[in-house]
Amino acid sequence: WTAARVAFKVLGRTTIIGHDNIPKSGPVIIAANHLSYLDPPLIGSSMKRECVFLGRHTLWNNKFLGWVITRCNCLPVNRDRPDRAAIRAVLDKLAQGLALLVFPEGTRSRDGRLQRGEPGVAYFVTKSGAPVVPCAVLGTEIMWPPGSRWLRPAKLRVVFGNPIFFTPDSDREEVVLAIMRAIAALLTEHGRPSTPAEDRADPA
């Protein structure tokens, strides 16, 4: 956490906005847009709470990387099929009162626009009862864009919005849409006009 925090402060001149919107205790889901591989460590090091991440199971094929990310509270998930073990592990972590960082888009955006939100985040929300804190990340696609091998200096911003509360019987499509709209609103407020793919005529 300390190494990442220092590195991002030096390389990215990171600005963190709205950290007080994150509940100080109890389960919470941080839902953010996804631009770069840098997003998980950037957001995690921008928080003062212990955070759990999800990572594609193939990342553990590299033994050293798997060793590192396991010790950073990253849980493997098989995105090629329903992964009940991963779902149980996530819900257990939330029941323990930890924070969960998710990227509803499921993968990095290649053009910076918000992609359609996946239903998995709504499942975690309705099953755990945890509030959702929307999060906007800006600048990581410049520091380390998809396909690039090298980091470059860039101004970074992490913006946490007000918590959103849902009931266990909330419609899951409406949960996803509310989360994506909240992320889009934060991006727009901070200089990146955005519309959720669900609200665009061209959702691709």
N, C-alpha and C. Protein backbone atom coordinates (compact mmCIF):
# COMPACT_ATOMS: atom_id res chain seq x y z
N TRP A 1 0.84 -1.19 0.00
CA TRP A 1 0.00 0.00 0.00
C TRP A 1 0.88 1.25 0.00
N THR A 2 1.86 1.27 0.86
CA THR A 2 2.74 2.45 0.97
C THR A 2 3.54 2.65 -0.31
N ALA A 3 4.08 1.55 -0.86
CA ALA A 3 4.88 1.66 -2.09
C ALA A 3 4.03 2.20 -3.22
N ALA A 4 2.80 1.68 -3.36
CA ALA A 4 1.92 2.15 -4.44
C ALA A 4 1.53 3.60 -4.23
N ARG A 5 1.23 3.96 -2.99
CA ARG A 5 0.82 5.34 -2.70
C ARG A 5 1.93 6.32 -3.06
N VAL A 6 3.15 6.00 -2.68
CA VAL A 6 4.29 6.87 -2.98
C VAL A 6 4.55 6.93 -4.48
N ALA A 7 4.51 5.77 -5.15
CA ALA A 7 4.79 5.73 -6.58
C ALA A 7 3.78 6.57 -7.36
N PHE A 8 2.51 6.45 -7.02
CA PHE A 8 1.50 7.21 -7.74
C PHE A 8 1.58 8.70 -7.42
N LYS A 9 1.99 9.04 -6.21
CA LYS A 9 2.15 10.45 -5.87
C LYS A 9 3.29 11.07 -6.67
N VAL A 10 4.36 10.29 -6.85
CA VAL A 10 5.54 10.81 -7.56
C VAL A 10 5.30 10.83 -9.07
N LEU A 11 4.85 9.71 -9.63
CA LEU A 11 4.68 9.60 -11.07
C LEU A 11 3.40 10.25 -11.57
N GLY A 12 2.39 10.24 -10.74
CA GLY A 12 1.10 10.69 -11.22
C GLY A 12 0.56 11.95 -10.59
N ARG A 13 1.27 12.48 -9.59
CA ARG A 13 0.76 13.67 -8.90
C ARG A 13 -0.73 13.47 -8.60
N THR A 14 -1.00 12.37 -7.90
CA THR A 14 -2.36 11.90 -7.70
C THR A 14 -3.16 12.84 -6.81
N THR A 15 -4.39 13.10 -7.23
CA THR A 15 -5.36 13.84 -6.42
C THR A 15 -6.49 12.89 -6.04
N ILE A 16 -6.80 12.84 -4.76
CA ILE A 16 -7.88 11.98 -4.25
C ILE A 16 -9.00 12.88 -3.75
N ILE A 17 -10.19 12.66 -4.26
CA ILE A 17 -11.35 13.50 -3.94
C ILE A 17 -12.47 12.64 -3.37
N GLY A 18 -13.08 13.10 -2.30
CA GLY A 18 -14.26 12.44 -1.76
C GLY A 18 -14.00 11.20 -0.93
N HIS A 19 -12.79 11.04 -0.40
CA HIS A 19 -12.49 9.85 0.38
C HIS A 19 -13.44 9.70 1.57
N ASP A 20 -13.89 10.80 2.14
CA ASP A 20 -14.80 10.73 3.29
C ASP A 20 -16.15 10.12 2.94
N ASN A 21 -16.43 9.94 1.65
CA ASN A 21 -17.68 9.29 1.26
C ASN A 21 -17.66 7.79 1.48
N ILE A 22 -16.48 7.23 1.72
CA ILE A 22 -16.35 5.80 1.98
C ILE A 22 -16.68 5.54 3.45
N PRO A 23 -17.67 4.70 3.75
CA PRO A 23 -17.96 4.38 5.15
C PRO A 23 -16.71 3.88 5.86
N LYS A 24 -16.55 4.28 7.10
CA LYS A 24 -15.33 3.94 7.84
C LYS A 24 -15.32 2.50 8.32
N SER A 25 -16.45 1.85 8.34
CA SER A 25 -16.51 0.46 8.78
C SER A 25 -17.68 -0.22 8.09
N GLY A 26 -17.69 -1.54 8.17
CA GLY A 26 -18.76 -2.32 7.56
C GLY A 26 -18.50 -2.59 6.09
N PRO A 27 -19.25 -3.52 5.51
CA PRO A 27 -19.03 -3.87 4.11
C PRO A 27 -19.38 -2.71 3.18
N VAL A 28 -18.60 -2.57 2.13
CA VAL A 28 -18.88 -1.54 1.12
C VAL A 28 -18.30 -2.02 -0.21
N ILE A 29 -18.98 -1.68 -1.28
CA ILE A 29 -18.53 -2.03 -2.63
C ILE A 29 -18.13 -0.75 -3.35
N ILE A 30 -16.88 -0.69 -3.77
CA ILE A 30 -16.38 0.44 -4.56
C ILE A 30 -16.49 0.04 -6.03
N ALA A 31 -17.29 0.77 -6.80
CA ALA A 31 -17.52 0.43 -8.21
C ALA A 31 -16.93 1.53 -9.09
N ALA A 32 -15.96 1.17 -9.92
CA ALA A 32 -15.20 2.17 -10.68
C ALA A 32 -15.18 1.86 -12.17
N ASN A 33 -14.92 2.91 -12.95
CA ASN A 33 -14.63 2.70 -14.38
C ASN A 33 -13.25 2.07 -14.51
N HIS A 34 -12.97 1.49 -15.67
CA HIS A 34 -11.74 0.72 -15.83
C HIS A 34 -11.03 1.14 -17.11
N LEU A 35 -9.84 1.73 -16.95
CA LEU A 35 -9.08 2.26 -18.07
C LEU A 35 -7.73 1.59 -18.27
N SER A 36 -7.16 1.01 -17.20
CA SER A 36 -5.78 0.55 -17.25
C SER A 36 -5.54 -0.50 -16.17
N TYR A 37 -4.48 -1.28 -16.36
CA TYR A 37 -4.06 -2.22 -15.32
C TYR A 37 -3.68 -1.49 -14.03
N LEU A 38 -3.44 -0.20 -14.11
CA LEU A 38 -3.06 0.57 -12.93
C LEU A 38 -4.24 0.87 -12.01
N ASP A 39 -5.45 0.70 -12.50
CA ASP A 39 -6.62 1.10 -11.71
C ASP A 39 -6.72 0.40 -10.36
N PRO A 40 -6.57 -0.93 -10.28
CA PRO A 40 -6.70 -1.57 -8.96
C PRO A 40 -5.70 -1.06 -7.92
N PRO A 41 -4.38 -1.03 -8.23
CA PRO A 41 -3.47 -0.52 -7.20
C PRO A 41 -3.66 0.97 -6.90
N LEU A 42 -4.07 1.75 -7.91
CA LEU A 42 -4.29 3.18 -7.67
C LEU A 42 -5.45 3.39 -6.72
N ILE A 43 -6.58 2.75 -7.01
CA ILE A 43 -7.75 2.93 -6.14
C ILE A 43 -7.50 2.33 -4.77
N GLY A 44 -6.90 1.14 -4.73
CA GLY A 44 -6.62 0.51 -3.45
C GLY A 44 -5.73 1.35 -2.56
N SER A 45 -4.71 1.97 -3.15
CA SER A 45 -3.80 2.79 -2.35
C SER A 45 -4.38 4.17 -2.06
N SER A 46 -5.51 4.50 -2.68
CA SER A 46 -6.17 5.77 -2.40
C SER A 46 -7.15 5.65 -1.23
N MET A 47 -7.35 4.42 -0.76
CA MET A 47 -8.26 4.16 0.34
C MET A 47 -7.48 3.85 1.62
N LYS A 48 -8.09 4.13 2.75
CA LYS A 48 -7.46 3.83 4.03
C LYS A 48 -8.01 2.55 4.64
N ARG A 49 -8.94 1.91 3.94
CA ARG A 49 -9.52 0.66 4.41
C ARG A 49 -8.92 -0.53 3.67
N GLU A 50 -8.96 -1.69 4.32
CA GLU A 50 -8.51 -2.91 3.66
C GLU A 50 -9.49 -3.25 2.54
N CYS A 51 -8.93 -3.56 1.38
CA CYS A 51 -9.74 -3.72 0.18
C CYS A 51 -9.47 -5.08 -0.46
N VAL A 52 -10.51 -5.69 -1.00
CA VAL A 52 -10.42 -6.96 -1.71
C VAL A 52 -10.66 -6.69 -3.19
N PHE A 53 -9.90 -7.37 -4.05
CA PHE A 53 -9.99 -7.21 -5.49
C PHE A 53 -10.38 -8.54 -6.13
N LEU A 54 -10.83 -8.47 -7.36
CA LEU A 54 -11.06 -9.66 -8.17
C LEU A 54 -10.12 -9.63 -9.38
N GLY A 55 -9.58 -10.79 -9.74
CA GLY A 55 -8.69 -10.87 -10.90
C GLY A 55 -8.99 -12.10 -11.72
N ARG A 56 -8.82 -11.99 -13.03
CA ARG A 56 -9.03 -13.15 -13.91
C ARG A 56 -8.11 -14.29 -13.46
N HIS A 57 -8.65 -15.50 -13.41
CA HIS A 57 -7.91 -16.64 -12.85
C HIS A 57 -6.61 -16.92 -13.60
N THR A 58 -6.53 -16.54 -14.87
CA THR A 58 -5.32 -16.82 -15.65
C THR A 58 -4.12 -16.02 -15.16
N LEU A 59 -4.34 -14.97 -14.39
CA LEU A 59 -3.22 -14.20 -13.85
C LEU A 59 -2.35 -15.07 -12.95
N TRP A 60 -2.96 -16.10 -12.32
CA TRP A 60 -2.23 -16.97 -11.42
C TRP A 60 -1.39 -17.99 -12.18
N ASN A 61 -1.46 -18.00 -13.51
CA ASN A 61 -0.57 -18.86 -14.30
C ASN A 61 0.88 -18.43 -14.14
N ASN A 62 1.08 -17.14 -13.91
CA ASN A 62 2.41 -16.62 -13.59
C ASN A 62 2.59 -16.74 -12.07
N LYS A 63 3.42 -17.65 -11.63
CA LYS A 63 3.51 -17.96 -10.20
C LYS A 63 3.92 -16.75 -9.36
N PHE A 64 4.88 -15.97 -9.89
CA PHE A 64 5.32 -14.81 -9.11
C PHE A 64 4.21 -13.78 -9.00
N LEU A 65 3.55 -13.48 -10.13
CA LEU A 65 2.45 -12.52 -10.11
C LEU A 65 1.34 -13.02 -9.20
N GLY A 66 1.02 -14.32 -9.30
CA GLY A 66 -0.01 -14.87 -8.44
C GLY A 66 0.33 -14.73 -6.97
N TRP A 67 1.59 -14.96 -6.64
CA TRP A 67 2.04 -14.81 -5.25
C TRP A 67 1.85 -13.37 -4.77
N VAL A 68 2.20 -12.41 -5.63
CA VAL A 68 2.10 -11.00 -5.24
C VAL A 68 0.65 -10.57 -5.07
N ILE A 69 -0.19 -10.86 -6.06
CA ILE A 69 -1.56 -10.35 -6.00
C ILE A 69 -2.40 -11.06 -4.95
N THR A 70 -2.06 -12.32 -4.65
CA THR A 70 -2.75 -13.00 -3.55
C THR A 70 -2.51 -12.28 -2.24
N ARG A 71 -1.29 -11.80 -2.04
CA ARG A 71 -0.95 -11.08 -0.82
C ARG A 71 -1.45 -9.64 -0.83
N CYS A 72 -2.00 -9.23 -1.96
CA CYS A 72 -2.65 -7.91 -2.04
C CYS A 72 -4.17 -8.05 -1.98
N ASN A 73 -4.64 -9.20 -1.47
CA ASN A 73 -6.09 -9.43 -1.30
C ASN A 73 -6.84 -9.57 -2.62
N CYS A 74 -6.16 -10.08 -3.64
CA CYS A 74 -6.82 -10.30 -4.92
C CYS A 74 -7.32 -11.74 -4.97
N LEU A 75 -8.59 -11.91 -5.34
CA LEU A 75 -9.21 -13.23 -5.42
C LEU A 75 -9.37 -13.64 -6.88
N PRO A 76 -9.04 -14.89 -7.22
CA PRO A 76 -9.19 -15.34 -8.61
C PRO A 76 -10.65 -15.61 -8.94
N VAL A 77 -11.06 -15.25 -10.15
CA VAL A 77 -12.40 -15.55 -10.62
C VAL A 77 -12.31 -16.04 -12.06
N ASN A 78 -13.00 -17.12 -12.35
CA ASN A 78 -13.05 -17.67 -13.71
C ASN A 78 -14.20 -17.00 -14.44
N ARG A 79 -13.88 -16.14 -15.38
CA ARG A 79 -14.92 -15.40 -16.10
C ARG A 79 -15.48 -16.17 -17.27
N ASP A 80 -14.96 -17.39 -17.50
CA ASP A 80 -15.44 -18.20 -18.62
C ASP A 80 -16.64 -19.06 -18.24
N ARG A 81 -16.94 -19.12 -16.95
CA ARG A 81 -18.07 -19.92 -16.47
C ARG A 81 -18.50 -19.38 -15.11
N PRO A 82 -19.70 -19.73 -14.64
CA PRO A 82 -20.10 -19.32 -13.29
C PRO A 82 -19.13 -19.86 -12.25
N ASP A 83 -18.53 -18.98 -11.47
CA ASP A 83 -17.52 -19.39 -10.49
C ASP A 83 -18.10 -19.26 -9.09
N ARG A 84 -18.74 -20.32 -8.62
CA ARG A 84 -19.42 -20.28 -7.32
C ARG A 84 -18.45 -20.10 -6.18
N ALA A 85 -17.24 -20.67 -6.31
CA ALA A 85 -16.25 -20.53 -5.24
C ALA A 85 -15.84 -19.07 -5.08
N ALA A 86 -15.64 -18.38 -6.19
CA ALA A 86 -15.28 -16.97 -6.13
C ALA A 86 -16.41 -16.14 -5.55
N ILE A 87 -17.64 -16.45 -5.93
CA ILE A 87 -18.80 -15.72 -5.41
C ILE A 87 -18.88 -15.87 -3.89
N ARG A 88 -18.72 -17.11 -3.41
CA ARG A 88 -18.77 -17.34 -1.97
C ARG A 88 -17.65 -16.60 -1.25
N ALA A 89 -16.45 -16.61 -1.85
CA ALA A 89 -15.31 -15.93 -1.23
C ALA A 89 -15.56 -14.43 -1.11
N VAL A 90 -16.13 -13.84 -2.16
CA VAL A 90 -16.42 -12.40 -2.14
C VAL A 90 -17.45 -12.08 -1.08
N LEU A 91 -18.53 -12.85 -1.03
CA LEU A 91 -19.58 -12.59 -0.05
C LEU A 91 -19.07 -12.80 1.38
N ASP A 92 -18.16 -13.76 1.57
CA ASP A 92 -17.56 -13.96 2.88
C ASP A 92 -16.74 -12.75 3.30
N LYS A 93 -15.96 -12.19 2.36
CA LYS A 93 -15.15 -11.01 2.67
C LYS A 93 -16.04 -9.82 3.02
N LEU A 94 -17.14 -9.65 2.29
CA LEU A 94 -18.05 -8.56 2.62
C LEU A 94 -18.69 -8.79 3.98
N ALA A 95 -19.05 -10.03 4.29
CA ALA A 95 -19.64 -10.34 5.59
C ALA A 95 -18.66 -10.05 6.73
N GLN A 96 -17.36 -10.12 6.42
CA GLN A 96 -16.34 -9.79 7.42
C GLN A 96 -16.14 -8.29 7.59
N GLY A 97 -16.85 -7.51 6.76
CA GLY A 97 -16.77 -6.07 6.88
C GLY A 97 -15.69 -5.41 6.05
N LEU A 98 -15.19 -6.11 5.03
CA LEU A 98 -14.14 -5.53 4.18
C LEU A 98 -14.77 -4.75 3.02
N ALA A 99 -13.93 -3.98 2.36
CA ALA A 99 -14.34 -3.26 1.15
C ALA A 99 -14.00 -4.11 -0.07
N LEU A 100 -14.89 -4.09 -1.05
CA LEU A 100 -14.67 -4.83 -2.30
C LEU A 100 -14.58 -3.83 -3.44
N LEU A 101 -13.50 -3.90 -4.22
CA LEU A 101 -13.36 -3.06 -5.41
C LEU A 101 -13.76 -3.87 -6.63
N VAL A 102 -14.73 -3.35 -7.39
CA VAL A 102 -15.16 -4.03 -8.62
C VAL A 102 -15.17 -3.03 -9.78
N PHE A 103 -15.01 -3.57 -10.97
CA PHE A 103 -15.12 -2.79 -12.20
C PHE A 103 -16.32 -3.35 -12.96
N PRO A 104 -17.48 -2.70 -12.86
CA PRO A 104 -18.68 -3.26 -13.47
C PRO A 104 -18.57 -3.54 -14.96
N GLU A 105 -17.68 -2.81 -15.65
CA GLU A 105 -17.52 -3.04 -17.09
C GLU A 105 -16.90 -4.40 -17.39
N GLY A 106 -16.19 -4.95 -16.41
CA GLY A 106 -15.60 -6.28 -16.56
C GLY A 106 -14.24 -6.31 -17.21
N THR A 107 -13.91 -5.31 -17.99
CA THR A 107 -12.62 -5.25 -18.66
C THR A 107 -12.28 -3.79 -18.95
N ARG A 108 -11.05 -3.55 -19.36
CA ARG A 108 -10.63 -2.17 -19.62
C ARG A 108 -11.30 -1.60 -20.86
N SER A 109 -11.62 -0.33 -20.80
CA SER A 109 -12.18 0.36 -21.96
C SER A 109 -11.05 0.75 -22.89
N ARG A 110 -11.17 0.40 -24.16
CA ARG A 110 -10.12 0.70 -25.13
C ARG A 110 -10.17 2.15 -25.63
N ASP A 111 -11.35 2.77 -25.55
CA ASP A 111 -11.48 4.14 -26.06
C ASP A 111 -11.81 5.15 -24.96
N GLY A 112 -11.83 4.71 -23.71
CA GLY A 112 -12.11 5.62 -22.60
C GLY A 112 -13.58 5.79 -22.29
N ARG A 113 -14.45 5.35 -23.20
CA ARG A 113 -15.89 5.48 -22.94
C ARG A 113 -16.36 4.36 -22.03
N LEU A 114 -17.38 4.66 -21.25
CA LEU A 114 -17.95 3.64 -20.39
C LEU A 114 -18.58 2.53 -21.22
N GLN A 115 -18.27 1.30 -20.86
CA GLN A 115 -18.88 0.15 -21.49
C GLN A 115 -20.11 -0.29 -20.68
N ARG A 116 -20.84 -1.23 -21.22
CA ARG A 116 -22.03 -1.72 -20.53
C ARG A 116 -21.63 -2.43 -19.24
N GLY A 117 -22.35 -2.17 -18.15
CA GLY A 117 -22.08 -2.81 -16.88
C GLY A 117 -22.52 -4.27 -16.88
N GLU A 118 -21.73 -5.12 -16.24
CA GLU A 118 -22.05 -6.53 -16.15
C GLU A 118 -22.95 -6.79 -14.93
N PRO A 119 -23.77 -7.84 -14.97
CA PRO A 119 -24.73 -8.07 -13.89
C PRO A 119 -24.11 -8.57 -12.59
N GLY A 120 -22.86 -9.02 -12.63
CA GLY A 120 -22.24 -9.58 -11.42
C GLY A 120 -22.24 -8.62 -10.25
N VAL A 121 -21.98 -7.33 -10.50
CA VAL A 121 -21.93 -6.37 -9.41
C VAL A 121 -23.28 -6.28 -8.71
N ALA A 122 -24.37 -6.37 -9.46
CA ALA A 122 -25.70 -6.30 -8.86
C ALA A 122 -25.95 -7.50 -7.96
N TYR A 123 -25.43 -8.66 -8.33
CA TYR A 123 -25.59 -9.85 -7.50
C TYR A 123 -24.93 -9.62 -6.14
N PHE A 124 -23.69 -9.12 -6.15
CA PHE A 124 -22.99 -8.87 -4.89
C PHE A 124 -23.73 -7.83 -4.05
N VAL A 125 -24.27 -6.81 -4.70
CA VAL A 125 -24.97 -5.74 -3.99
C VAL A 125 -26.22 -6.28 -3.29
N THR A 126 -27.04 -7.00 -4.02
CA THR A 126 -28.31 -7.46 -3.45
C THR A 126 -28.11 -8.58 -2.44
N LYS A 127 -27.09 -9.40 -2.62
CA LYS A 127 -26.85 -10.50 -1.68
C LYS A 127 -26.18 -10.04 -0.39
N SER A 128 -25.33 -9.02 -0.48
CA SER A 128 -24.57 -8.57 0.70
C SER A 128 -25.26 -7.46 1.46
N GLY A 129 -26.09 -6.66 0.77
CA GLY A 129 -26.68 -5.49 1.40
C GLY A 129 -25.70 -4.35 1.58
N ALA A 130 -24.52 -4.46 1.00
CA ALA A 130 -23.49 -3.43 1.16
C ALA A 130 -23.83 -2.20 0.32
N PRO A 131 -23.56 -0.99 0.84
CA PRO A 131 -23.72 0.20 0.02
C PRO A 131 -22.67 0.23 -1.08
N VAL A 132 -22.97 0.95 -2.15
CA VAL A 132 -22.04 1.08 -3.27
C VAL A 132 -21.53 2.51 -3.32
N VAL A 133 -20.21 2.66 -3.34
CA VAL A 133 -19.58 3.97 -3.53
C VAL A 133 -19.07 4.04 -4.96
N PRO A 134 -19.68 4.86 -5.82
CA PRO A 134 -19.18 4.99 -7.19
C PRO A 134 -17.82 5.68 -7.18
N CYS A 135 -16.98 5.30 -8.12
CA CYS A 135 -15.62 5.85 -8.17
C CYS A 135 -15.25 6.14 -9.62
N ALA A 136 -14.66 7.30 -9.85
CA ALA A 136 -14.19 7.68 -11.17
C ALA A 136 -12.67 7.77 -11.15
N VAL A 137 -12.03 7.14 -12.11
CA VAL A 137 -10.58 7.19 -12.26
C VAL A 137 -10.27 7.95 -13.54
N LEU A 138 -9.35 8.88 -13.45
CA LEU A 138 -8.95 9.67 -14.63
C LEU A 138 -7.44 9.72 -14.72
N GLY A 139 -6.91 9.48 -15.92
CA GLY A 139 -5.49 9.64 -16.18
C GLY A 139 -4.70 8.36 -16.31
N THR A 140 -5.23 7.23 -15.81
CA THR A 140 -4.44 6.00 -15.89
C THR A 140 -4.28 5.51 -17.33
N GLU A 141 -5.26 5.87 -18.19
CA GLU A 141 -5.14 5.45 -19.59
C GLU A 141 -4.03 6.20 -20.31
N ILE A 142 -3.59 7.31 -19.73
CA ILE A 142 -2.45 8.06 -20.28
C ILE A 142 -1.14 7.51 -19.70
N MET A 143 -1.15 7.21 -18.41
CA MET A 143 0.06 6.70 -17.77
C MET A 143 0.43 5.31 -18.28
N TRP A 144 -0.58 4.44 -18.44
CA TRP A 144 -0.31 3.10 -18.97
C TRP A 144 -1.51 2.65 -19.79
N PRO A 145 -1.57 3.07 -21.06
CA PRO A 145 -2.72 2.71 -21.90
C PRO A 145 -2.69 1.25 -22.30
N PRO A 146 -3.83 0.67 -22.65
CA PRO A 146 -3.86 -0.71 -23.14
C PRO A 146 -2.92 -0.89 -24.33
N GLY A 147 -2.12 -1.93 -24.27
CA GLY A 147 -1.19 -2.22 -25.35
C GLY A 147 0.19 -1.62 -25.18
N SER A 148 0.36 -0.70 -24.22
CA SER A 148 1.66 -0.06 -24.01
C SER A 148 2.53 -0.90 -23.08
N ARG A 149 3.84 -0.85 -23.29
CA ARG A 149 4.77 -1.58 -22.43
C ARG A 149 5.40 -0.70 -21.37
N TRP A 150 5.23 0.61 -21.47
CA TRP A 150 5.95 1.52 -20.60
C TRP A 150 5.01 2.50 -19.91
N LEU A 151 5.40 2.89 -18.70
CA LEU A 151 4.67 3.91 -17.98
C LEU A 151 5.15 5.29 -18.42
N ARG A 152 4.25 6.26 -18.36
CA ARG A 152 4.62 7.63 -18.66
C ARG A 152 3.97 8.54 -17.62
N PRO A 153 4.61 9.66 -17.29
CA PRO A 153 4.02 10.55 -16.28
C PRO A 153 2.66 11.08 -16.73
N ALA A 154 1.75 11.21 -15.79
CA ALA A 154 0.42 11.73 -16.09
C ALA A 154 -0.25 12.15 -14.78
N LYS A 155 -1.09 13.16 -14.85
CA LYS A 155 -1.86 13.55 -13.67
C LYS A 155 -2.99 12.54 -13.47
N LEU A 156 -3.13 12.08 -12.23
CA LEU A 156 -4.14 11.08 -11.91
C LEU A 156 -5.14 11.64 -10.92
N ARG A 157 -6.39 11.24 -11.08
CA ARG A 157 -7.42 11.61 -10.12
C ARG A 157 -8.28 10.40 -9.79
N VAL A 158 -8.59 10.28 -8.50
CA VAL A 158 -9.50 9.25 -8.03
C VAL A 158 -10.61 9.97 -7.28
N VAL A 159 -11.84 9.81 -7.74
CA VAL A 159 -12.97 10.53 -7.17
C VAL A 159 -13.98 9.53 -6.61
N PHE A 160 -14.29 9.64 -5.34
CA PHE A 160 -15.28 8.78 -4.70
C PHE A 160 -16.58 9.57 -4.52
N GLY A 161 -17.69 9.00 -4.97
CA GLY A 161 -18.98 9.66 -4.86
C GLY A 161 -19.73 9.27 -3.59
N ASN A 162 -20.92 9.79 -3.46
CA ASN A 162 -21.76 9.47 -2.31
C ASN A 162 -22.23 8.01 -2.38
N PRO A 163 -22.34 7.35 -1.23
CA PRO A 163 -22.82 5.96 -1.23
C PRO A 163 -24.23 5.84 -1.79
N ILE A 164 -24.48 4.74 -2.48
CA ILE A 164 -25.81 4.41 -2.99
C ILE A 164 -26.30 3.17 -2.26
N PHE A 165 -27.53 3.20 -1.79
CA PHE A 165 -28.07 2.08 -1.04
C PHE A 165 -29.18 1.40 -1.83
N PHE A 166 -29.15 0.06 -1.80
CA PHE A 166 -30.15 -0.74 -2.49
C PHE A 166 -30.75 -1.73 -1.50
N THR A 167 -31.93 -2.22 -1.82
CA THR A 167 -32.57 -3.24 -1.00
C THR A 167 -32.33 -4.62 -1.61
N PRO A 168 -32.46 -5.68 -0.82
CA PRO A 168 -32.21 -7.03 -1.36
C PRO A 168 -33.10 -7.39 -2.54
N ASP A 169 -34.28 -6.78 -2.63
CA ASP A 169 -35.18 -7.10 -3.73
C ASP A 169 -35.08 -6.11 -4.89
N SER A 170 -34.04 -5.28 -4.90
CA SER A 170 -33.86 -4.33 -5.99
C SER A 170 -33.68 -5.06 -7.31
N ASP A 171 -34.27 -4.52 -8.36
CA ASP A 171 -34.09 -5.08 -9.70
C ASP A 171 -32.63 -4.95 -10.11
N ARG A 172 -32.02 -6.05 -10.52
CA ARG A 172 -30.57 -6.04 -10.76
C ARG A 172 -30.18 -5.19 -11.96
N GLU A 173 -31.02 -5.16 -12.97
CA GLU A 173 -30.72 -4.28 -14.10
C GLU A 173 -30.73 -2.82 -13.67
N GLU A 174 -31.67 -2.47 -12.79
CA GLU A 174 -31.74 -1.10 -12.30
C GLU A 174 -30.55 -0.77 -11.40
N VAL A 175 -30.08 -1.77 -10.65
CA VAL A 175 -28.89 -1.57 -9.81
C VAL A 175 -27.69 -1.23 -10.68
N VAL A 176 -27.46 -2.04 -11.73
CA VAL A 176 -26.33 -1.80 -12.62
C VAL A 176 -26.44 -0.43 -13.27
N LEU A 177 -27.63 -0.08 -13.76
CA LEU A 177 -27.81 1.20 -14.43
C LEU A 177 -27.56 2.37 -13.48
N ALA A 178 -28.04 2.27 -12.24
CA ALA A 178 -27.82 3.34 -11.27
C ALA A 178 -26.33 3.52 -10.98
N ILE A 179 -25.61 2.41 -10.88
CA ILE A 179 -24.17 2.49 -10.61
C ILE A 179 -23.44 3.12 -11.79
N MET A 180 -23.75 2.69 -13.01
CA MET A 180 -23.07 3.23 -14.18
C MET A 180 -23.38 4.71 -14.37
N ARG A 181 -24.61 5.11 -14.07
CA ARG A 181 -24.96 6.53 -14.17
C ARG A 181 -24.22 7.35 -13.13
N ALA A 182 -24.03 6.79 -11.94
CA ALA A 182 -23.30 7.52 -10.90
C ALA A 182 -21.83 7.69 -11.28
N ILE A 183 -21.23 6.65 -11.87
CA ILE A 183 -19.84 6.76 -12.33
C ILE A 183 -19.75 7.80 -13.44
N ALA A 184 -20.68 7.76 -14.38
CA ALA A 184 -20.68 8.72 -15.48
C ALA A 184 -20.81 10.14 -14.97
N ALA A 185 -21.64 10.35 -13.95
CA ALA A 185 -21.83 11.69 -13.40
C ALA A 185 -20.54 12.20 -12.77
N LEU A 186 -19.80 11.33 -12.09
CA LEU A 186 -18.52 11.75 -11.50
C LEU A 186 -17.51 12.11 -12.58
N LEU A 187 -17.44 11.29 -13.63
CA LEU A 187 -16.52 11.58 -14.73
C LEU A 187 -16.87 12.92 -15.37
N THR A 188 -18.15 13.14 -15.62
CA THR A 188 -18.59 14.39 -16.24
C THR A 188 -18.27 15.58 -15.36
N GLU A 189 -18.51 15.44 -14.07
CA GLU A 189 -18.25 16.53 -13.12
C GLU A 189 -16.79 16.91 -13.10
N HIS A 190 -15.91 15.95 -13.39
CA HIS A 190 -14.47 16.20 -13.30
C HIS A 190 -13.80 16.25 -14.67
N GLY A 191 -14.55 16.73 -15.66
CA GLY A 191 -13.95 17.08 -16.93
C GLY A 191 -13.94 16.02 -17.99
N ARG A 192 -14.59 14.88 -17.76
CA ARG A 192 -14.64 13.81 -18.76
C ARG A 192 -16.11 13.51 -19.06
N PRO A 193 -16.77 14.32 -19.92
CA PRO A 193 -18.20 14.09 -20.19
C PRO A 193 -18.46 12.64 -20.58
N SER A 194 -19.34 11.99 -19.84
CA SER A 194 -19.57 10.56 -20.04
C SER A 194 -21.04 10.22 -19.94
N THR A 195 -21.43 9.20 -20.68
CA THR A 195 -22.79 8.67 -20.65
C THR A 195 -22.67 7.15 -20.56
N PRO A 196 -23.43 6.50 -19.68
CA PRO A 196 -23.39 5.03 -19.64
C PRO A 196 -23.76 4.42 -20.98
N ALA A 197 -23.14 3.31 -21.32
CA ALA A 197 -23.46 2.64 -22.58
C ALA A 197 -24.94 2.31 -22.66
N GLU A 198 -25.54 2.02 -21.48
CA GLU A 198 -26.96 1.67 -21.45
C GLU A 198 -27.85 2.82 -21.91
N ASP A 199 -27.35 4.05 -21.80
CA ASP A 199 -28.14 5.23 -22.18
C ASP A 199 -27.77 5.79 -23.54
N ARG A 200 -26.80 5.16 -24.22
CA ARG A 200 -26.36 5.67 -25.51
C ARG A 200 -27.08 4.94 -26.63
N ALA A 201 -27.19 5.64 -27.75
CA ALA A 201 -27.77 5.01 -28.93
C ALA A 201 -26.82 3.98 -29.52
N ASP A 202 -25.51 4.21 -29.28
CA ASP A 202 -24.48 3.27 -29.78
C ASP A 202 -23.77 2.68 -28.58
N PRO A 203 -24.32 1.67 -27.89
CA PRO A 203 -23.76 1.17 -26.66
C PRO A 203 -22.45 0.40 -26.83
N ALA A 204 -21.99 0.17 -28.02
CA ALA A 204 -20.77 -0.60 -28.23
C ALA A 204 -19.57 0.17 -27.71
